[in-house]
Amino acid sequence: EGFGGAFTGAVSYNLGQLNPALRE
């Protein structure tokens, strides 16, 4: 059916600190 990863609170926090272009 496919593959994936986890979107935890740590992931969300780290993404929030990044430059938007890098995040995208």
mmCIF file of all heavy atoms, coordinates in Angstrom:
data_MODEL
# 
_entry.id   MODEL 
# 
loop_
_atom_site.group_PDB 
_atom_site.id 
_atom_site.type_symbol 
_atom_site.label_atom_id 
_atom_site.label_alt_id 
_atom_site.label_comp_id 
_atom_site.label_asym_id 
_atom_site.label_entity_id 
_atom_site.label_seq_id 
_atom_site.pdbx_PDB_ins_code 
_atom_site.Cartn_x 
_atom_site.Cartn_y 
_atom_site.Cartn_z 
_atom_site.occupancy 
_atom_site.B_iso_or_equiv 
_atom_site.pdbx_formal_charge 
_atom_site.auth_seq_id 
_atom_site.auth_comp_id 
_atom_site.auth_asym_id 
_atom_site.auth_atom_id 
_atom_site.pdbx_PDB_model_num 
ATOM 1   N N   . GLU A 1 1  ? 0.799  -1.216 0.000  1.00 0.00 ? 1  GLU A N   1 
ATOM 2   C CA  . GLU A 1 1  ? 0.000  0.000  0.000  1.00 0.00 ? 1  GLU A CA  1 
ATOM 3   C C   . GLU A 1 1  ? 0.837  1.273  0.000  1.00 0.00 ? 1  GLU A C   1 
ATOM 4   O O   . GLU A 1 1  ? 0.336  2.340  -0.356 1.00 0.00 ? 1  GLU A O   1 
ATOM 5   C CB  . GLU A 1 1  ? -0.932 0.005  1.223  1.00 0.00 ? 1  GLU A CB  1 
ATOM 6   C CG  . GLU A 1 1  ? -1.937 -1.135 1.242  1.00 0.00 ? 1  GLU A CG  1 
ATOM 7   C CD  . GLU A 1 1  ? -2.921 -1.071 0.082  1.00 0.00 ? 1  GLU A CD  1 
ATOM 8   O OE1 . GLU A 1 1  ? -3.267 0.047  -0.341 1.00 0.00 ? 1  GLU A OE1 1 
ATOM 9   O OE2 . GLU A 1 1  ? -3.329 -2.147 -0.404 1.00 0.00 ? 1  GLU A OE2 1 
ATOM 10  N N   . GLY A 1 2  ? 2.109  1.194  0.421  1.00 0.00 ? 2  GLY A N   1 
ATOM 11  C CA  . GLY A 1 2  ? 2.951  2.386  0.379  1.00 0.00 ? 2  GLY A CA  1 
ATOM 12  C C   . GLY A 1 2  ? 3.819  2.546  1.608  1.00 0.00 ? 2  GLY A C   1 
ATOM 13  O O   . GLY A 1 2  ? 3.879  1.674  2.489  1.00 0.00 ? 2  GLY A O   1 
ATOM 14  N N   . PHE A 1 3  ? 4.478  3.703  1.674  1.00 0.00 ? 3  PHE A N   1 
ATOM 15  C CA  . PHE A 1 3  ? 5.485  3.996  2.683  1.00 0.00 ? 3  PHE A CA  1 
ATOM 16  C C   . PHE A 1 3  ? 5.214  5.381  3.277  1.00 0.00 ? 3  PHE A C   1 
ATOM 17  O O   . PHE A 1 3  ? 4.444  6.166  2.725  1.00 0.00 ? 3  PHE A O   1 
ATOM 18  C CB  . PHE A 1 3  ? 6.875  3.950  2.049  1.00 0.00 ? 3  PHE A CB  1 
ATOM 19  C CG  . PHE A 1 3  ? 7.194  2.622  1.423  1.00 0.00 ? 3  PHE A CG  1 
ATOM 20  C CD1 . PHE A 1 3  ? 6.715  2.293  0.156  1.00 0.00 ? 3  PHE A CD1 1 
ATOM 21  C CD2 . PHE A 1 3  ? 7.943  1.678  2.106  1.00 0.00 ? 3  PHE A CD2 1 
ATOM 22  C CE1 . PHE A 1 3  ? 6.988  1.056  -0.422 1.00 0.00 ? 3  PHE A CE1 1 
ATOM 23  C CE2 . PHE A 1 3  ? 8.216  0.438  1.542  1.00 0.00 ? 3  PHE A CE2 1 
ATOM 24  C CZ  . PHE A 1 3  ? 7.736  0.134  0.272  1.00 0.00 ? 3  PHE A CZ  1 
ATOM 25  N N   . GLY A 1 4  ? 5.864  5.684  4.389  1.00 0.00 ? 4  GLY A N   1 
ATOM 26  C CA  . GLY A 1 4  ? 5.618  6.994  4.996  1.00 0.00 ? 4  GLY A CA  1 
ATOM 27  C C   . GLY A 1 4  ? 6.500  7.245  6.193  1.00 0.00 ? 4  GLY A C   1 
ATOM 28  O O   . GLY A 1 4  ? 7.442  6.505  6.494  1.00 0.00 ? 4  GLY A O   1 
ATOM 29  N N   . GLY A 1 5  ? 6.184  8.323  6.915  1.00 0.00 ? 5  GLY A N   1 
ATOM 30  C CA  . GLY A 1 5  ? 6.905  8.717  8.114  1.00 0.00 ? 5  GLY A CA  1 
ATOM 31  C C   . GLY A 1 5  ? 5.965  9.380  9.098  1.00 0.00 ? 5  GLY A C   1 
ATOM 32  O O   . GLY A 1 5  ? 4.774  9.559  8.819  1.00 0.00 ? 5  GLY A O   1 
ATOM 33  N N   . ALA A 1 6  ? 6.492  9.774  10.254 1.00 0.00 ? 6  ALA A N   1 
ATOM 34  C CA  . ALA A 1 6  ? 5.667  10.304 11.339 1.00 0.00 ? 6  ALA A CA  1 
ATOM 35  C C   . ALA A 1 6  ? 5.837  11.807 11.491 1.00 0.00 ? 6  ALA A C   1 
ATOM 36  O O   . ALA A 1 6  ? 6.945  12.336 11.424 1.00 0.00 ? 6  ALA A O   1 
ATOM 37  C CB  . ALA A 1 6  ? 6.003  9.610  12.651 1.00 0.00 ? 6  ALA A CB  1 
ATOM 38  N N   . PHE A 1 7  ? 4.716  12.480 11.732 1.00 0.00 ? 7  PHE A N   1 
ATOM 39  C CA  . PHE A 1 7  ? 4.663  13.931 11.932 1.00 0.00 ? 7  PHE A CA  1 
ATOM 40  C C   . PHE A 1 7  ? 4.402  14.182 13.411 1.00 0.00 ? 7  PHE A C   1 
ATOM 41  O O   . PHE A 1 7  ? 3.275  14.394 13.857 1.00 0.00 ? 7  PHE A O   1 
ATOM 42  C CB  . PHE A 1 7  ? 3.545  14.528 11.080 1.00 0.00 ? 7  PHE A CB  1 
ATOM 43  C CG  . PHE A 1 7  ? 3.760  15.966 10.685 1.00 0.00 ? 7  PHE A CG  1 
ATOM 44  C CD1 . PHE A 1 7  ? 4.179  16.301 9.414  1.00 0.00 ? 7  PHE A CD1 1 
ATOM 45  C CD2 . PHE A 1 7  ? 3.525  16.987 11.595 1.00 0.00 ? 7  PHE A CD2 1 
ATOM 46  C CE1 . PHE A 1 7  ? 4.367  17.618 9.036  1.00 0.00 ? 7  PHE A CE1 1 
ATOM 47  C CE2 . PHE A 1 7  ? 3.711  18.314 11.247 1.00 0.00 ? 7  PHE A CE2 1 
ATOM 48  C CZ  . PHE A 1 7  ? 4.139  18.631 9.955  1.00 0.00 ? 7  PHE A CZ  1 
ATOM 49  N N   . THR A 1 8  ? 5.462  14.122 14.217 1.00 0.00 ? 8  THR A N   1 
ATOM 50  C CA  . THR A 1 8  ? 5.354  14.270 15.668 1.00 0.00 ? 8  THR A CA  1 
ATOM 51  C C   . THR A 1 8  ? 5.424  15.741 16.070 1.00 0.00 ? 8  THR A C   1 
ATOM 52  O O   . THR A 1 8  ? 5.663  16.626 15.239 1.00 0.00 ? 8  THR A O   1 
ATOM 53  C CB  . THR A 1 8  ? 6.497  13.517 16.355 1.00 0.00 ? 8  THR A CB  1 
ATOM 54  O OG1 . THR A 1 8  ? 7.738  14.126 15.952 1.00 0.00 ? 8  THR A OG1 1 
ATOM 55  C CG2 . THR A 1 8  ? 6.512  12.048 15.962 1.00 0.00 ? 8  THR A CG2 1 
ATOM 56  N N   . GLY A 1 9  ? 5.292  15.991 17.369 1.00 0.00 ? 9  GLY A N   1 
ATOM 57  C CA  . GLY A 1 9  ? 5.463  17.346 17.869 1.00 0.00 ? 9  GLY A CA  1 
ATOM 58  C C   . GLY A 1 9  ? 6.864  17.870 17.610 1.00 0.00 ? 9  GLY A C   1 
ATOM 59  O O   . GLY A 1 9  ? 7.053  19.063 17.336 1.00 0.00 ? 9  GLY A O   1 
ATOM 60  N N   . ALA A 1 10 ? 7.877  16.999 17.712 1.00 0.00 ? 10 ALA A N   1 
ATOM 61  C CA  . ALA A 1 10 ? 9.247  17.404 17.432 1.00 0.00 ? 10 ALA A CA  1 
ATOM 62  C C   . ALA A 1 10 ? 9.411  17.806 15.974 1.00 0.00 ? 10 ALA A C   1 
ATOM 63  O O   . ALA A 1 10 ? 10.083 18.801 15.661 1.00 0.00 ? 10 ALA A O   1 
ATOM 64  C CB  . ALA A 1 10 ? 10.210 16.273 17.778 1.00 0.00 ? 10 ALA A CB  1 
ATOM 65  N N   . VAL A 1 11 ? 8.809  17.037 15.074 1.00 0.00 ? 11 VAL A N   1 
ATOM 66  C CA  . VAL A 1 11 ? 8.859  17.372 13.648 1.00 0.00 ? 11 VAL A CA  1 
ATOM 67  C C   . VAL A 1 11 ? 8.212  18.728 13.416 1.00 0.00 ? 11 VAL A C   1 
ATOM 68  O O   . VAL A 1 11 ? 8.760  19.601 12.722 1.00 0.00 ? 11 VAL A O   1 
ATOM 69  C CB  . VAL A 1 11 ? 8.166  16.279 12.819 1.00 0.00 ? 11 VAL A CB  1 
ATOM 70  C CG1 . VAL A 1 11 ? 8.002  16.721 11.360 1.00 0.00 ? 11 VAL A CG1 1 
ATOM 71  C CG2 . VAL A 1 11 ? 8.951  14.977 12.885 1.00 0.00 ? 11 VAL A CG2 1 
ATOM 72  N N   . SER A 1 12 ? 7.049  18.927 13.997 1.00 0.00 ? 12 SER A N   1 
ATOM 73  C CA  . SER A 1 12 ? 6.330  20.194 13.834 1.00 0.00 ? 12 SER A CA  1 
ATOM 74  C C   . SER A 1 12 ? 7.151  21.362 14.364 1.00 0.00 ? 12 SER A C   1 
ATOM 75  O O   . SER A 1 12 ? 7.250  22.420 13.717 1.00 0.00 ? 12 SER A O   1 
ATOM 76  C CB  . SER A 1 12 ? 4.985  20.121 14.560 1.00 0.00 ? 12 SER A CB  1 
ATOM 77  O OG  . SER A 1 12 ? 4.275  21.338 14.467 1.00 0.00 ? 12 SER A OG  1 
ATOM 78  N N   . TYR A 1 13 ? 7.756  21.189 15.536 1.00 0.00 ? 13 TYR A N   1 
ATOM 79  C CA  . TYR A 1 13 ? 8.579  22.261 16.110 1.00 0.00 ? 13 TYR A CA  1 
ATOM 80  C C   . TYR A 1 13 ? 9.753  22.597 15.204 1.00 0.00 ? 13 TYR A C   1 
ATOM 81  O O   . TYR A 1 13 ? 10.033 23.771 14.919 1.00 0.00 ? 13 TYR A O   1 
ATOM 82  C CB  . TYR A 1 13 ? 9.074  21.846 17.499 1.00 0.00 ? 13 TYR A CB  1 
ATOM 83  C CG  . TYR A 1 13 ? 10.063 22.823 18.086 1.00 0.00 ? 13 TYR A CG  1 
ATOM 84  C CD1 . TYR A 1 13 ? 9.628  23.988 18.723 1.00 0.00 ? 13 TYR A CD1 1 
ATOM 85  C CD2 . TYR A 1 13 ? 11.432 22.599 17.984 1.00 0.00 ? 13 TYR A CD2 1 
ATOM 86  C CE1 . TYR A 1 13 ? 10.543 24.900 19.245 1.00 0.00 ? 13 TYR A CE1 1 
ATOM 87  C CE2 . TYR A 1 13 ? 12.348 23.498 18.502 1.00 0.00 ? 13 TYR A CE2 1 
ATOM 88  C CZ  . TYR A 1 13 ? 11.885 24.650 19.129 1.00 0.00 ? 13 TYR A CZ  1 
ATOM 89  O OH  . TYR A 1 13 ? 12.802 25.554 19.632 1.00 0.00 ? 13 TYR A OH  1 
ATOM 90  N N   . ASN A 1 14 ? 10.479 21.571 14.762 1.00 0.00 ? 14 ASN A N   1 
ATOM 91  C CA  . ASN A 1 14 ? 11.640 21.808 13.911 1.00 0.00 ? 14 ASN A CA  1 
ATOM 92  C C   . ASN A 1 14 ? 11.253 22.490 12.598 1.00 0.00 ? 14 ASN A C   1 
ATOM 93  O O   . ASN A 1 14 ? 11.937 23.416 12.145 1.00 0.00 ? 14 ASN A O   1 
ATOM 94  C CB  . ASN A 1 14 ? 12.354 20.490 13.625 1.00 0.00 ? 14 ASN A CB  1 
ATOM 95  C CG  . ASN A 1 14 ? 13.092 19.939 14.829 1.00 0.00 ? 14 ASN A CG  1 
ATOM 96  O OD1 . ASN A 1 14 ? 13.553 20.697 15.684 1.00 0.00 ? 14 ASN A OD1 1 
ATOM 97  N ND2 . ASN A 1 14 ? 13.192 18.627 14.923 1.00 0.00 ? 14 ASN A ND2 1 
ATOM 98  N N   . LEU A 1 15 ? 10.167 22.042 11.997 1.00 0.00 ? 15 LEU A N   1 
ATOM 99  C CA  . LEU A 1 15 ? 9.707  22.664 10.748 1.00 0.00 ? 15 LEU A CA  1 
ATOM 100 C C   . LEU A 1 15 ? 9.395  24.134 10.963 1.00 0.00 ? 15 LEU A C   1 
ATOM 101 O O   . LEU A 1 15 ? 9.664  24.978 10.099 1.00 0.00 ? 15 LEU A O   1 
ATOM 102 C CB  . LEU A 1 15 ? 8.482  21.930 10.219 1.00 0.00 ? 15 LEU A CB  1 
ATOM 103 C CG  . LEU A 1 15 ? 8.726  20.565 9.586  1.00 0.00 ? 15 LEU A CG  1 
ATOM 104 C CD1 . LEU A 1 15 ? 7.400  19.851 9.350  1.00 0.00 ? 15 LEU A CD1 1 
ATOM 105 C CD2 . LEU A 1 15 ? 9.488  20.689 8.268  1.00 0.00 ? 15 LEU A CD2 1 
ATOM 106 N N   . GLY A 1 16 ? 8.815  24.446 12.110 1.00 0.00 ? 16 GLY A N   1 
ATOM 107 C CA  . GLY A 1 16 ? 8.434  25.824 12.395 1.00 0.00 ? 16 GLY A CA  1 
ATOM 108 C C   . GLY A 1 16 ? 9.602  26.781 12.520 1.00 0.00 ? 16 GLY A C   1 
ATOM 109 O O   . GLY A 1 16 ? 9.420  28.000 12.403 1.00 0.00 ? 16 GLY A O   1 
ATOM 110 N N   . GLN A 1 17 ? 10.811 26.260 12.764 1.00 0.00 ? 17 GLN A N   1 
ATOM 111 C CA  . GLN A 1 17 ? 11.995 27.109 12.900 1.00 0.00 ? 17 GLN A CA  1 
ATOM 112 C C   . GLN A 1 17 ? 12.695 27.365 11.565 1.00 0.00 ? 17 GLN A C   1 
ATOM 113 O O   . GLN A 1 17 ? 13.560 28.239 11.481 1.00 0.00 ? 17 GLN A O   1 
ATOM 114 C CB  . GLN A 1 17 ? 13.008 26.464 13.853 1.00 0.00 ? 17 GLN A CB  1 
ATOM 115 C CG  . GLN A 1 17 ? 12.448 25.972 15.175 1.00 0.00 ? 17 GLN A CG  1 
ATOM 116 C CD  . GLN A 1 17 ? 11.669 27.032 15.915 1.00 0.00 ? 17 GLN A CD  1 
ATOM 117 O OE1 . GLN A 1 17 ? 12.160 28.131 16.152 1.00 0.00 ? 17 GLN A OE1 1 
ATOM 118 N NE2 . GLN A 1 17 ? 10.437 26.703 16.277 1.00 0.00 ? 17 GLN A NE2 1 
ATOM 119 N N   . LEU A 1 18 ? 12.329 26.605 10.541 1.00 0.00 ? 18 LEU A N   1 
ATOM 120 C CA  . LEU A 1 18 ? 13.077 26.652 9.286  1.00 0.00 ? 18 LEU A CA  1 
ATOM 121 C C   . LEU A 1 18 ? 12.634 27.795 8.381  1.00 0.00 ? 18 LEU A C   1 
ATOM 122 O O   . LEU A 1 18 ? 11.487 28.250 8.432  1.00 0.00 ? 18 LEU A O   1 
ATOM 123 C CB  . LEU A 1 18 ? 12.914 25.329 8.529  1.00 0.00 ? 18 LEU A CB  1 
ATOM 124 C CG  . LEU A 1 18 ? 13.443 24.067 9.198  1.00 0.00 ? 18 LEU A CG  1 
ATOM 125 C CD1 . LEU A 1 18 ? 13.180 22.861 8.306  1.00 0.00 ? 18 LEU A CD1 1 
ATOM 126 C CD2 . LEU A 1 18 ? 14.933 24.194 9.507  1.00 0.00 ? 18 LEU A CD2 1 
ATOM 127 N N   . ASN A 1 19 ? 13.555 28.223 7.527  1.00 0.00 ? 19 ASN A N   1 
ATOM 128 C CA  . ASN A 1 19 ? 13.202 29.119 6.436  1.00 0.00 ? 19 ASN A CA  1 
ATOM 129 C C   . ASN A 1 19 ? 12.087 28.467 5.619  1.00 0.00 ? 19 ASN A C   1 
ATOM 130 O O   . ASN A 1 19 ? 12.155 27.279 5.290  1.00 0.00 ? 19 ASN A O   1 
ATOM 131 C CB  . ASN A 1 19 ? 14.449 29.337 5.571  1.00 0.00 ? 19 ASN A CB  1 
ATOM 132 C CG  . ASN A 1 19 ? 14.201 30.260 4.398  1.00 0.00 ? 19 ASN A CG  1 
ATOM 133 O OD1 . ASN A 1 19 ? 13.453 29.924 3.481  1.00 0.00 ? 19 ASN A OD1 1 
ATOM 134 N ND2 . ASN A 1 19 ? 14.846 31.405 4.398  1.00 0.00 ? 19 ASN A ND2 1 
ATOM 135 N N   . PRO A 1 20 ? 11.018 29.203 5.276  1.00 0.00 ? 20 PRO A N   1 
ATOM 136 C CA  . PRO A 1 20 ? 9.897  28.597 4.549  1.00 0.00 ? 20 PRO A CA  1 
ATOM 137 C C   . PRO A 1 20 ? 10.300 27.880 3.270  1.00 0.00 ? 20 PRO A C   1 
ATOM 138 O O   . PRO A 1 20 ? 9.734  26.837 2.937  1.00 0.00 ? 20 PRO A O   1 
ATOM 139 C CB  . PRO A 1 20 ? 8.989  29.789 4.263  1.00 0.00 ? 20 PRO A CB  1 
ATOM 140 C CG  . PRO A 1 20 ? 9.280  30.757 5.366  1.00 0.00 ? 20 PRO A CG  1 
ATOM 141 C CD  . PRO A 1 20 ? 10.744 30.600 5.646  1.00 0.00 ? 20 PRO A CD  1 
ATOM 142 N N   . ALA A 1 21 ? 11.290 28.417 2.552  1.00 0.00 ? 21 ALA A N   1 
ATOM 143 C CA  . ALA A 1 21 ? 11.714 27.778 1.306  1.00 0.00 ? 21 ALA A CA  1 
ATOM 144 C C   . ALA A 1 21 ? 12.366 26.423 1.585  1.00 0.00 ? 21 ALA A C   1 
ATOM 145 O O   . ALA A 1 21 ? 12.135 25.448 0.846  1.00 0.00 ? 21 ALA A O   1 
ATOM 146 C CB  . ALA A 1 21 ? 12.675 28.687 0.551  1.00 0.00 ? 21 ALA A CB  1 
ATOM 147 N N   . LEU A 1 22 ? 13.161 26.335 2.645  1.00 0.00 ? 22 LEU A N   1 
ATOM 148 C CA  . LEU A 1 22 ? 13.759 25.058 3.010  1.00 0.00 ? 22 LEU A CA  1 
ATOM 149 C C   . LEU A 1 22 ? 12.690 24.083 3.476  1.00 0.00 ? 22 LEU A C   1 
ATOM 150 O O   . LEU A 1 22 ? 12.713 22.898 3.122  1.00 0.00 ? 22 LEU A O   1 
ATOM 151 C CB  . LEU A 1 22 ? 14.806 25.274 4.106  1.00 0.00 ? 22 LEU A CB  1 
ATOM 152 C CG  . LEU A 1 22 ? 15.443 24.009 4.704  1.00 0.00 ? 22 LEU A CG  1 
ATOM 153 C CD1 . LEU A 1 22 ? 16.075 23.146 3.628  1.00 0.00 ? 22 LEU A CD1 1 
ATOM 154 C CD2 . LEU A 1 22 ? 16.467 24.387 5.773  1.00 0.00 ? 22 LEU A CD2 1 
ATOM 155 N N   . ARG A 1 23 ? 11.759 24.569 4.260  1.00 0.00 ? 23 ARG A N   1 
ATOM 156 C CA  . ARG A 1 23 ? 10.663 23.715 4.729  1.00 0.00 ? 23 ARG A CA  1 
ATOM 157 C C   . ARG A 1 23 ? 9.908  23.115 3.547  1.00 0.00 ? 23 ARG A C   1 
ATOM 158 O O   . ARG A 1 23 ? 9.598  21.911 3.520  1.00 0.00 ? 23 ARG A O   1 
ATOM 159 C CB  . ARG A 1 23 ? 9.725  24.532 5.618  1.00 0.00 ? 23 ARG A CB  1 
ATOM 160 C CG  . ARG A 1 23 ? 8.586  23.705 6.206  1.00 0.00 ? 23 ARG A CG  1 
ATOM 161 C CD  . ARG A 1 23 ? 7.863  24.459 7.299  1.00 0.00 ? 23 ARG A CD  1 
ATOM 162 N NE  . ARG A 1 23 ? 7.230  25.685 6.835  1.00 0.00 ? 23 ARG A NE  1 
ATOM 163 C CZ  . ARG A 1 23 ? 7.555  26.901 7.249  1.00 0.00 ? 23 ARG A CZ  1 
ATOM 164 N NH1 . ARG A 1 23 ? 8.525  27.074 8.133  1.00 0.00 ? 23 ARG A NH1 1 
ATOM 165 N NH2 . ARG A 1 23 ? 6.915  27.969 6.794  1.00 0.00 ? 23 ARG A NH2 1 
ATOM 166 N N   . GLU A 1 24 ? 9.612  23.929 2.540  1.00 0.00 ? 24 GLU A N   1 
ATOM 167 C CA  . GLU A 1 24 ? 8.892  23.424 1.380  1.00 0.00 ? 24 GLU A CA  1 
ATOM 168 C C   . GLU A 1 24 ? 9.718  22.390 0.618  1.00 0.00 ? 24 GLU A C   1 
ATOM 169 O O   . GLU A 1 24 ? 9.173  21.398 0.106  1.00 0.00 ? 24 GLU A O   1 
ATOM 170 C CB  . GLU A 1 24 ? 8.500  24.584 0.457  1.00 0.00 ? 24 GLU A CB  1 
ATOM 171 C CG  . GLU A 1 24 ? 7.425  25.481 1.049  1.00 0.00 ? 24 GLU A CG  1 
ATOM 172 C CD  . GLU A 1 24 ? 6.910  26.512 0.065  1.00 0.00 ? 24 GLU A CD  1 
ATOM 173 O OE1 . GLU A 1 24 ? 7.289  26.444 -1.133 1.00 0.00 ? 24 GLU A OE1 1 
ATOM 174 O OE2 . GLU A 1 24 ? 6.104  27.369 0.460  1.00 0.00 ? 24 GLU A OE2 1 
# 
